């Protein structure tokens, strides 16, 4: 990710580690920098957590030629990864997370 987005604005050390690009509205969770767990984008400042980026993501997410940023959903499974919504189901969607699909079952 650093090769694509440049140096991150900041890092957080929690149960997983996070690198944040405030200017792009993107943050990544990882266990080590070679193993990204999720790529996350924020589209709404209502979430005031330390994970929210200083600027919001302004791009589009497209899946199968359909923009997904305006759809409400819980999760779109994509095999071993999935697109999850950021925010609790009872709240407004804050953005999206593209990451590990913990419900995936290898056939």
C-alpha atoms as a PDB file:
ATOM      1  CA  UNK A   1       0.000   0.000   0.000  1.00  0.00           C
ATOM      2  CA  UNK A   2       2.839   2.410   0.785  1.00  0.00           C
ATOM      3  CA  UNK A   3       4.138   1.952  -2.756  1.00  0.00           C
ATOM      4  CA  UNK A   4       0.738   3.057  -4.112  1.00  0.00           C
ATOM      5  CA  UNK A   5      -0.369   5.725  -1.594  1.00  0.00           C
ATOM      6  CA  UNK A   6       2.984   6.963  -0.292  1.00  0.00           C
ATOM      7  CA  UNK A   7       3.998   7.205   3.360  1.00  0.00           C
ATOM      8  CA  UNK A   8       1.047   6.991   5.792  1.00  0.00           C
ATOM      9  CA  UNK A   9      -0.049  10.017   7.816  1.00  0.00           C
ATOM     10  CA  UNK A  10      -0.034   8.039  11.068  1.00  0.00           C
ATOM     11  CA  UNK A  11      -0.018   4.585  12.641  1.00  0.00           C
ATOM     12  CA  UNK A  12      -2.060   3.035  15.459  1.00  0.00           C
ATOM     13  CA  UNK A  13      -0.927   0.045  17.504  1.00  0.00           C
ATOM     14  CA  UNK A  14      -3.907  -1.940  18.859  1.00  0.00           C
ATOM     15  CA  UNK A  15      -4.796  -5.666  18.777  1.00  0.00           C
ATOM     16  CA  UNK A  16      -3.973  -5.296  15.075  1.00  0.00           C
ATOM     17  CA  UNK A  17      -1.823  -2.514  13.728  1.00  0.00           C
ATOM     18  CA  UNK A  18      -3.182   0.196  11.447  1.00  0.00           C
ATOM     19  CA  UNK A  19      -1.654   2.584   8.962  1.00  0.00           C
ATOM     20  CA  UNK A  20      -3.712   5.619   7.999  1.00  0.00           C
ATOM     21  CA  UNK A  21      -3.613   7.929   4.980  1.00  0.00           C
ATOM     22  CA  UNK A  22      -5.659  10.902   6.205  1.00  0.00           C
ATOM     23  CA  UNK A  23      -5.483  12.757   2.875  1.00  0.00           C
ATOM     24  CA  UNK A  24      -6.965   9.804   0.943  1.00  0.00           C
ATOM     25  CA  UNK A  25      -9.574   8.640   3.472  1.00  0.00           C
ATOM     26  CA  UNK A  26      -7.974   5.176   3.605  1.00  0.00           C
ATOM     27  CA  UNK A  27      -6.581   3.010   6.382  1.00  0.00           C
ATOM     28  CA  UNK A  28      -5.289  -0.562   6.470  1.00  0.00           C
ATOM     29  CA  UNK A  29      -5.274  -3.125   9.243  1.00  0.00           C
ATOM     30  CA  UNK A  30      -2.399  -5.586   9.295  1.00  0.00           C
ATOM     31  CA  UNK A  31      -0.640  -8.153  11.443  1.00  0.00           C
ATOM     32  CA  UNK A  32       2.646  -7.366   9.741  1.00  0.00           C
ATOM     33  CA  UNK A  33       3.166  -4.965   6.862  1.00  0.00           C
ATOM     34  CA  UNK A  34       3.389  -7.817   4.350  1.00  0.00           C
ATOM     35  CA  UNK A  35      -0.016  -9.239   5.402  1.00  0.00           C
ATOM     36  CA  UNK A  36      -2.811  -6.680   5.012  1.00  0.00           C
ATOM     37  CA  UNK A  37      -6.014  -7.812   6.769  1.00  0.00           C
ATOM     38  CA  UNK A  38      -8.244  -5.053   5.439  1.00  0.00           C
ATOM     39  CA  UNK A  39      -8.338  -1.913   3.340  1.00  0.00           C
ATOM     40  CA  UNK A  40     -10.864   0.534   4.772  1.00  0.00           C
ATOM     41  CA  UNK A  41     -12.363   3.740   3.443  1.00  0.00           C
ATOM     42  CA  UNK A  42     -14.326   6.361   5.355  1.00  0.00           C
ATOM     43  CA  UNK A  43     -17.070   8.358   3.652  1.00  0.00           C
ATOM     44  CA  UNK A  44     -18.727  10.028   6.629  1.00  0.00           C
ATOM     45  CA  UNK A  45     -17.326  12.103   9.508  1.00  0.00           C
ATOM     46  CA  UNK A  46     -20.109  11.095  11.927  1.00  0.00           C
ATOM     47  CA  UNK A  47     -17.844   8.326  13.228  1.00  0.00           C
ATOM     48  CA  UNK A  48     -15.503  10.052  15.670  1.00  0.00           C
ATOM     49  CA  UNK A  49     -13.231   7.094  16.376  1.00  0.00           C
ATOM     50  CA  UNK A  50      -9.470   7.425  16.141  1.00  0.00           C
ATOM     51  CA  UNK A  51      -9.621   5.211  13.042  1.00  0.00           C
ATOM     52  CA  UNK A  52     -11.602   7.748  11.011  1.00  0.00           C
ATOM     53  CA  UNK A  53      -9.473   9.665   8.565  1.00  0.00           C
ATOM     54  CA  UNK A  54      -9.138  13.457   8.637  1.00  0.00           C
ATOM     55  CA  UNK A  55     -10.432  13.674   5.051  1.00  0.00           C
ATOM     56  CA  UNK A  56     -13.077  11.383   3.628  1.00  0.00           C
ATOM     57  CA  UNK A  57     -12.647   9.054   0.644  1.00  0.00           C
ATOM     58  CA  UNK A  58     -13.918  10.790  -2.508  1.00  0.00           C
ATOM     59  CA  UNK A  59     -13.481   7.945  -5.014  1.00  0.00           C
ATOM     60  CA  UNK A  60     -15.943   5.297  -6.150  1.00  0.00           C
ATOM     61  CA  UNK A  61     -16.065   1.600  -5.321  1.00  0.00           C
ATOM     62  CA  UNK A  62     -17.270  -0.510  -8.225  1.00  0.00           C
ATOM     63  CA  UNK A  63     -18.121  -4.211  -8.170  1.00  0.00           C
ATOM     64  CA  UNK A  64     -19.303  -5.952 -11.349  1.00  0.00           C
ATOM     65  CA  UNK A  65     -19.713  -2.560 -13.064  1.00  0.00           C
ATOM     66  CA  UNK A  66     -22.054  -1.345 -10.305  1.00  0.00           C
ATOM     67  CA  UNK A  67     -21.171   1.404  -7.863  1.00  0.00           C
ATOM     68  CA  UNK A  68     -21.627   0.111  -4.328  1.00  0.00           C
ATOM     69  CA  UNK A  69     -21.036   3.287  -2.310  1.00  0.00           C
ATOM     70  CA  UNK A  70     -24.732   4.224  -2.180  1.00  0.00           C
ATOM     71  CA  UNK A  71     -26.107   0.761  -1.377  1.00  0.00           C
ATOM     72  CA  UNK A  72     -26.836  -0.362   2.160  1.00  0.00           C
ATOM     73  CA  UNK A  73     -25.730  -3.881   2.999  1.00  0.00           C
ATOM     74  CA  UNK A  74     -24.078  -5.900   5.739  1.00  0.00           C
ATOM     75  CA  UNK A  75     -21.534  -7.839   3.689  1.00  0.00           C
ATOM     76  CA  UNK A  76     -20.771  -8.923   0.138  1.00  0.00           C
ATOM     77  CA  UNK A  77     -18.800 -12.208   0.263  1.00  0.00           C
ATOM     78  CA  UNK A  78     -16.084 -12.565  -2.379  1.00  0.00           C
ATOM     79  CA  UNK A  79     -14.540 -15.941  -1.513  1.00  0.00           C
ATOM     80  CA  UNK A  80     -11.761 -15.530   1.034  1.00  0.00           C
ATOM     81  CA  UNK A  81     -12.369 -11.775   1.238  1.00  0.00           C
ATOM     82  CA  UNK A  82     -15.531  -9.706   1.636  1.00  0.00           C
ATOM     83  CA  UNK A  83     -16.717  -6.114   1.467  1.00  0.00           C
ATOM     84  CA  UNK A  84     -18.129  -5.127   4.861  1.00  0.00           C
ATOM     85  CA  UNK A  85     -19.825  -1.918   5.911  1.00  0.00           C
ATOM     86  CA  UNK A  86     -18.095   0.262   8.511  1.00  0.00           C
ATOM     87  CA  UNK A  87     -20.408   1.085  11.380  1.00  0.00           C
ATOM     88  CA  UNK A  88     -22.951  -0.879  13.350  1.00  0.00           C
ATOM     89  CA  UNK A  89     -26.023  -2.181  11.538  1.00  0.00           C
ATOM     90  CA  UNK A  90     -28.216   0.237  13.519  1.00  0.00           C
ATOM     91  CA  UNK A  91     -26.122   3.255  12.462  1.00  0.00           C
ATOM     92  CA  UNK A  92     -25.467   5.130   9.283  1.00  0.00           C
ATOM     93  CA  UNK A  93     -22.850   3.514   7.054  1.00  0.00           C
ATOM     94  CA  UNK A  94     -19.510   5.283   7.605  1.00  0.00           C
ATOM     95  CA  UNK A  95     -17.671   3.598   4.758  1.00  0.00           C
ATOM     96  CA  UNK A  96     -16.457   0.194   3.646  1.00  0.00           C
ATOM     97  CA  UNK A  97     -13.884  -2.408   4.582  1.00  0.00           C
ATOM     98  CA  UNK A  98     -12.441  -4.826   2.040  1.00  0.00           C
ATOM     99  CA  UNK A  99     -10.908  -7.588   4.067  1.00  0.00           C
ATOM    100  CA  UNK A 100     -10.892 -11.106   5.390  1.00  0.00           C
ATOM    101  CA  UNK A 101     -14.174 -12.987   5.113  1.00  0.00           C
ATOM    102  CA  UNK A 102     -14.245 -14.909   8.401  1.00  0.00           C
ATOM    103  CA  UNK A 103     -17.343 -16.840   7.249  1.00  0.00           C
ATOM    104  CA  UNK A 104     -15.561 -18.271   4.197  1.00  0.00           C
ATOM    105  CA  UNK A 105     -15.594 -22.075   3.980  1.00  0.00           C
ATOM    106  CA  UNK A 106     -13.200 -23.709   1.520  1.00  0.00           C
ATOM    107  CA  UNK A 107     -15.096 -26.484  -0.298  1.00  0.00           C
END
